[in-house]
Amino acid sequence: MRPLEETEAVLRSLRGVWDEEAVDELDHALQAAACAMADGADDELVLAAALHDVAHSPLLGASSAHDEEARRWLRPRFGDRVAWLAGAHVAAKQYLVATEPGYAAGLSETSVRSLAAQGGAHVDEGFTGHEWWPDAVRLRRYDDAAKDPEAPGATIAEVLDVAERVLAGRA
């Protein structure tokens, strides 16, 4: 299967998969992409926002940490930056909780629970020392905003158009 077909299948498989209480994983992905688009993010950041929780797909059968699994799945398909940004959304949450007063108060109950399981608030020098870390923080904010059942999302077709442009840029 080719990357665009795989991506479409994985996105569609997120319908009815619940991690958050307010939206399923497909709506979460499409809302995160829409937030990135509205913010003027480049295509790689938009794609990373859309696919940051790809490891929740039942098609992947992820058994490890979902951020690491997303990185592993995305890298061969869309390159290092998309993979790193998507995989860094947990480190970005840990960073924001540790450094931004009031940030933790805005987290969903699911994010609060997962933060504890992910090692809690802290600043990882491997994260803040990376050249793309500011964009990972942007992605985290899209992630946080993408949990509203009333919010509009991008379409799967729009995400696939972005993915196609990312692939074309790698060719």
C-alpha atoms as a PDB file:
ATOM      1  CA  MET A   1       0.000   0.000   0.000  1.00  0.00           C
ATOM      2  CA  ARG A   2       1.292   3.488  -0.816  1.00  0.00           C
ATOM      3  CA  PRO A   3       1.737   6.212   1.832  1.00  0.00           C
ATOM      4  CA  LEU A   4      -1.364   8.203   0.847  1.00  0.00           C
ATOM      5  CA  GLU A   5      -3.540   5.091   0.810  1.00  0.00           C
ATOM      6  CA  GLU A   6      -2.087   3.952   4.142  1.00  0.00           C
ATOM      7  CA  THR A   7      -2.658   7.389   5.634  1.00  0.00           C
ATOM      8  CA  GLU A   8      -6.260   7.484   4.485  1.00  0.00           C
ATOM      9  CA  ALA A   9      -6.898   3.999   5.857  1.00  0.00           C
ATOM     10  CA  VAL A  10      -5.310   4.832   9.201  1.00  0.00           C
ATOM     11  CA  LEU A  11      -7.213   8.113   9.493  1.00  0.00           C
ATOM     12  CA  ARG A  12     -10.529   6.433   8.689  1.00  0.00           C
ATOM     13  CA  SER A  13      -9.761   3.700  11.233  1.00  0.00           C
ATOM     14  CA  LEU A  14      -9.720   6.352  13.963  1.00  0.00           C
ATOM     15  CA  ARG A  15     -13.497   6.846  13.700  1.00  0.00           C
ATOM     16  CA  GLY A  16     -15.032   5.506  16.884  1.00  0.00           C
ATOM     17  CA  VAL A  17     -11.689   5.181  18.693  1.00  0.00           C
ATOM     18  CA  TRP A  18     -11.981   7.106  21.951  1.00  0.00           C
ATOM     19  CA  ASP A  19      -9.064   8.382  24.003  1.00  0.00           C
ATOM     20  CA  GLU A  20     -10.622  11.693  24.964  1.00  0.00           C
ATOM     21  CA  GLU A  21     -14.205  11.890  26.161  1.00  0.00           C
ATOM     22  CA  ALA A  22     -15.452  14.720  23.926  1.00  0.00           C
ATOM     23  CA  VAL A  23     -14.261  13.645  20.462  1.00  0.00           C
ATOM     24  CA  ASP A  24     -13.108  10.444  18.845  1.00  0.00           C
ATOM     25  CA  GLU A  25      -9.594  10.150  17.445  1.00  0.00           C
ATOM     26  CA  LEU A  26     -10.623  11.014  13.879  1.00  0.00           C
ATOM     27  CA  ASP A  27     -12.314  14.260  14.906  1.00  0.00           C
ATOM     28  CA  HIS A  28      -9.326  15.005  17.160  1.00  0.00           C
ATOM     29  CA  ALA A  29      -6.915  14.502  14.250  1.00  0.00           C
ATOM     30  CA  LEU A  30      -8.949  16.624  11.853  1.00  0.00           C
ATOM     31  CA  GLN A  31      -9.445  19.402  14.401  1.00  0.00           C
ATOM     32  CA  ALA A  32      -5.710  19.455  15.167  1.00  0.00           C
ATOM     33  CA  ALA A  33      -4.997  19.781  11.443  1.00  0.00           C
ATOM     34  CA  ALA A  34      -7.539  22.605  11.143  1.00  0.00           C
ATOM     35  CA  CYS A  35      -5.920  24.436  14.068  1.00  0.00           C
ATOM     36  CA  ALA A  36      -2.516  24.130  12.412  1.00  0.00           C
ATOM     37  CA  MET A  37      -3.892  25.365   9.089  1.00  0.00           C
ATOM     38  CA  ALA A  38      -5.596  28.344  10.761  1.00  0.00           C
ATOM     39  CA  ASP A  39      -2.289  29.175  12.467  1.00  0.00           C
ATOM     40  CA  GLY A  40      -0.466  29.277   9.117  1.00  0.00           C
ATOM     41  CA  ALA A  41       1.659  26.225   9.884  1.00  0.00           C
ATOM     42  CA  ASP A  42       3.732  24.703   7.095  1.00  0.00           C
ATOM     43  CA  ASP A  43       2.636  21.419   5.533  1.00  0.00           C
ATOM     44  CA  GLU A  44       4.907  19.213   7.637  1.00  0.00           C
ATOM     45  CA  LEU A  45       3.572  20.717  10.866  1.00  0.00           C
ATOM     46  CA  VAL A  46      -0.028  20.409   9.641  1.00  0.00           C
ATOM     47  CA  LEU A  47       0.550  16.755   8.773  1.00  0.00           C
ATOM     48  CA  ALA A  48       2.260  16.058  12.094  1.00  0.00           C
ATOM     49  CA  ALA A  49      -0.683  17.680  13.893  1.00  0.00           C
ATOM     50  CA  ALA A  50      -3.142  15.504  11.997  1.00  0.00           C
ATOM     51  CA  LEU A  51      -1.182  12.305  12.629  1.00  0.00           C
ATOM     52  CA  HIS A  52       0.297  12.838  16.104  1.00  0.00           C
ATOM     53  CA  ASP A  53      -2.016  10.179  17.607  1.00  0.00           C
ATOM     54  CA  VAL A  54      -1.830   7.804  14.643  1.00  0.00           C
ATOM     55  CA  ALA A  55      -0.682   5.015  16.953  1.00  0.00           C
ATOM     56  CA  HIS A  56      -4.207   4.860  18.408  1.00  0.00           C
ATOM     57  CA  SER A  57      -5.321   3.312  15.116  1.00  0.00           C
ATOM     58  CA  PRO A  58      -6.481  -0.279  15.481  1.00  0.00           C
ATOM     59  CA  LEU A  59      -4.655  -0.961  12.201  1.00  0.00           C
ATOM     60  CA  LEU A  60      -1.284  -0.363  13.837  1.00  0.00           C
ATOM     61  CA  GLY A  61      -1.721  -2.474  16.945  1.00  0.00           C
ATOM     62  CA  ALA A  62       0.715  -0.296  18.847  1.00  0.00           C
ATOM     63  CA  SER A  63       1.995  -1.870  22.019  1.00  0.00           C
ATOM     64  CA  SER A  64       4.487   0.790  23.059  1.00  0.00           C
ATOM     65  CA  ALA A  65       4.179   4.465  23.937  1.00  0.00           C
ATOM     66  CA  HIS A  66       1.969   6.074  21.317  1.00  0.00           C
ATOM     67  CA  ASP A  67       4.342   8.999  20.716  1.00  0.00           C
ATOM     68  CA  GLU A  68       7.208   6.635  19.899  1.00  0.00           C
ATOM     69  CA  GLU A  69       4.990   4.438  17.738  1.00  0.00           C
ATOM     70  CA  ALA A  70       3.777   7.482  15.790  1.00  0.00           C
ATOM     71  CA  ARG A  71       7.400   8.474  15.173  1.00  0.00           C
ATOM     72  CA  ARG A  72       8.252   4.978  13.921  1.00  0.00           C
ATOM     73  CA  TRP A  73       5.241   4.829  11.594  1.00  0.00           C
ATOM     74  CA  LEU A  74       5.634   8.344  10.182  1.00  0.00           C
ATOM     75  CA  ARG A  75       9.404   8.511   9.561  1.00  0.00           C
ATOM     76  CA  PRO A  76       9.629   6.145   6.555  1.00  0.00           C
ATOM     77  CA  ARG A  77       6.496   7.636   5.018  1.00  0.00           C
ATOM     78  CA  PHE A  78       6.857  11.379   5.592  1.00  0.00           C
ATOM     79  CA  GLY A  79      10.384  12.014   6.832  1.00  0.00           C
ATOM     80  CA  ASP A  80      12.241  13.026   9.937  1.00  0.00           C
ATOM     81  CA  ARG A  81      10.529  16.344  10.684  1.00  0.00           C
ATOM     82  CA  VAL A  82       6.935  15.088  10.502  1.00  0.00           C
ATOM     83  CA  ALA A  83       7.909  12.065  12.599  1.00  0.00           C
ATOM     84  CA  TRP A  84       9.838  14.073  15.181  1.00  0.00           C
ATOM     85  CA  LEU A  85       7.123  16.703  15.577  1.00  0.00           C
ATOM     86  CA  ALA A  86       4.357  14.131  16.009  1.00  0.00           C
ATOM     87  CA  GLY A  87       6.491  12.081  18.374  1.00  0.00           C
ATOM     88  CA  ALA A  88       7.382  15.123  20.473  1.00  0.00           C
ATOM     89  CA  HIS A  89       3.830  16.024  21.502  1.00  0.00           C
ATOM     90  CA  VAL A  90       4.224  14.220  24.841  1.00  0.00           C
ATOM     91  CA  ALA A  91       7.552  15.939  25.609  1.00  0.00           C
ATOM     92  CA  ALA A  92       5.923  19.255  24.667  1.00  0.00           C
ATOM     93  CA  LYS A  93       3.130  18.646  27.187  1.00  0.00           C
ATOM     94  CA  GLN A  94       5.652  17.792  29.894  1.00  0.00           C
ATOM     95  CA  TYR A  95       7.608  20.942  29.035  1.00  0.00           C
ATOM     96  CA  LEU A  96       4.563  23.228  29.075  1.00  0.00           C
ATOM     97  CA  VAL A  97       3.313  21.864  32.404  1.00  0.00           C
ATOM     98  CA  ALA A  98       6.779  22.397  33.899  1.00  0.00           C
ATOM     99  CA  THR A  99       7.359  25.901  32.522  1.00  0.00           C
ATOM    100  CA  GLU A 100       4.051  27.671  31.872  1.00  0.00           C
ATOM    101  CA  PRO A 101       2.022  28.675  34.919  1.00  0.00           C
ATOM    102  CA  GLY A 102      -1.604  27.706  34.492  1.00  0.00           C
ATOM    103  CA  TYR A 103      -1.031  25.367  31.565  1.00  0.00           C
ATOM    104  CA  ALA A 104      -1.833  22.220  33.553  1.00  0.00           C
ATOM    105  CA  ALA A 105      -5.173  23.675  34.652  1.00  0.00           C
ATOM    106  CA  GLY A 106      -6.314  23.725  31.019  1.00  0.00           C
ATOM    107  CA  LEU A 107      -5.538  20.073  30.306  1.00  0.00           C
ATOM    108  CA  SER A 108      -8.351  17.605  29.774  1.00  0.00           C
ATOM    109  CA  GLU A 109      -8.820  14.910  32.405  1.00  0.00           C
ATOM    110  CA  THR A 110      -7.403  12.374  29.949  1.00  0.00           C
ATOM    111  CA  SER A 111      -4.273  14.505  29.433  1.00  0.00           C
ATOM    112  CA  VAL A 112      -3.797  14.890  33.171  1.00  0.00           C
ATOM    113  CA  ARG A 113      -3.985  11.106  33.649  1.00  0.00           C
ATOM    114  CA  SER A 114      -1.676  10.389  30.738  1.00  0.00           C
ATOM    115  CA  LEU A 115       0.829  13.003  31.966  1.00  0.00           C
ATOM    116  CA  ALA A 116       1.290  11.030  35.166  1.00  0.00           C
ATOM    117  CA  ALA A 117       1.790   7.804  33.214  1.00  0.00           C
ATOM    118  CA  GLN A 118       4.242   9.555  30.864  1.00  0.00           C
ATOM    119  CA  GLY A 119       6.555  10.657  33.664  1.00  0.00           C
ATOM    120  CA  GLY A 120       5.005  13.935  34.772  1.00  0.00           C
ATOM    121  CA  ALA A 121       6.088  17.505  34.220  1.00  0.00           C
ATOM    122  CA  HIS A 122       9.710  18.074  33.336  1.00  0.00           C
ATOM    123  CA  VAL A 123      12.005  19.723  30.841  1.00  0.00           C
ATOM    124  CA  ASP A 124      13.882  17.262  28.654  1.00  0.00           C
ATOM    125  CA  GLU A 125      17.080  18.831  27.345  1.00  0.00           C
ATOM    126  CA  GLY A 126      16.902  16.520  24.346  1.00  0.00           C
ATOM    127  CA  PHE A 127      13.580  18.168  23.533  1.00  0.00           C
ATOM    128  CA  THR A 128      14.486  21.821  24.131  1.00  0.00           C
ATOM    129  CA  GLY A 129      17.861  21.302  22.495  1.00  0.00           C
ATOM    130  CA  HIS A 130      16.274  20.153  19.245  1.00  0.00           C
ATOM    131  CA  GLU A 131      15.891  22.640  16.401  1.00  0.00           C
ATOM    132  CA  TRP A 132      12.203  21.805  15.880  1.00  0.00           C
ATOM    133  CA  TRP A 133      11.074  22.042  19.501  1.00  0.00           C
ATOM    134  CA  PRO A 134       9.227  25.380  19.101  1.00  0.00           C
ATOM    135  CA  ASP A 135       7.045  23.795  16.416  1.00  0.00           C
ATOM    136  CA  ALA A 136       6.403  20.801  18.683  1.00  0.00           C
ATOM    137  CA  VAL A 137       5.062  23.237  21.288  1.00  0.00           C
ATOM    138  CA  ARG A 138       2.802  24.710  18.596  1.00  0.00           C
ATOM    139  CA  LEU A 139       1.597  21.194  17.752  1.00  0.00           C
ATOM    140  CA  ARG A 140       0.875  20.562  21.433  1.00  0.00           C
ATOM    141  CA  ARG A 141      -1.354  23.629  21.522  1.00  0.00           C
ATOM    142  CA  TYR A 142      -3.236  22.353  18.458  1.00  0.00           C
ATOM    143  CA  ASP A 143      -3.584  19.006  20.238  1.00  0.00           C
ATOM    144  CA  ASP A 144      -5.018  20.710  23.324  1.00  0.00           C
ATOM    145  CA  ALA A 145      -7.497  22.744  21.256  1.00  0.00           C
ATOM    146  CA  ALA A 146      -8.672  19.733  19.243  1.00  0.00           C
ATOM    147  CA  LYS A 147     -11.030  18.291  21.829  1.00  0.00           C
ATOM    148  CA  ASP A 148     -14.202  20.277  21.197  1.00  0.00           C
ATOM    149  CA  PRO A 149     -17.189  18.383  19.776  1.00  0.00           C
ATOM    150  CA  GLU A 150     -18.459  21.625  18.218  1.00  0.00           C
ATOM    151  CA  ALA A 151     -15.175  22.715  16.587  1.00  0.00           C
ATOM    152  CA  PRO A 152     -14.712  22.376  12.836  1.00  0.00           C
ATOM    153  CA  GLY A 153     -12.033  20.099  11.506  1.00  0.00           C
ATOM    154  CA  ALA A 154     -10.187  19.713   8.261  1.00  0.00           C
ATOM    155  CA  THR A 155     -11.443  17.008   5.929  1.00  0.00           C
ATOM    156  CA  ILE A 156      -9.621  13.776   5.260  1.00  0.00           C
ATOM    157  CA  ALA A 157      -9.178  14.990   1.673  1.00  0.00           C
ATOM    158  CA  GLU A 158      -7.486  18.171   2.910  1.00  0.00           C
ATOM    159  CA  VAL A 159      -5.108  16.174   5.101  1.00  0.00           C
ATOM    160  CA  LEU A 160      -4.312  13.877   2.178  1.00  0.00           C
ATOM    161  CA  ASP A 161      -3.593  16.931  -0.023  1.00  0.00           C
ATOM    162  CA  VAL A 162      -1.123  18.126   2.602  1.00  0.00           C
ATOM    163  CA  ALA A 163       0.407  14.645   2.785  1.00  0.00           C
ATOM    164  CA  GLU A 164       0.760  14.588  -0.994  1.00  0.00           C
ATOM    165  CA  ARG A 165       2.599  17.930  -0.929  1.00  0.00           C
ATOM    166  CA  VAL A 166       4.921  16.653   1.809  1.00  0.00           C
ATOM    167  CA  LEU A 167       5.660  13.547  -0.253  1.00  0.00           C
ATOM    168  CA  ALA A 168       6.285  15.645  -3.358  1.00  0.00           C
ATOM    169  CA  GLY A 169       8.728  17.798  -1.388  1.00  0.00           C
ATOM    170  CA  ARG A 170      10.669  14.691  -0.364  1.00  0.00           C
ATOM    171  CA  ALA A 171      10.917  13.364  -3.933  1.00  0.00           C
END
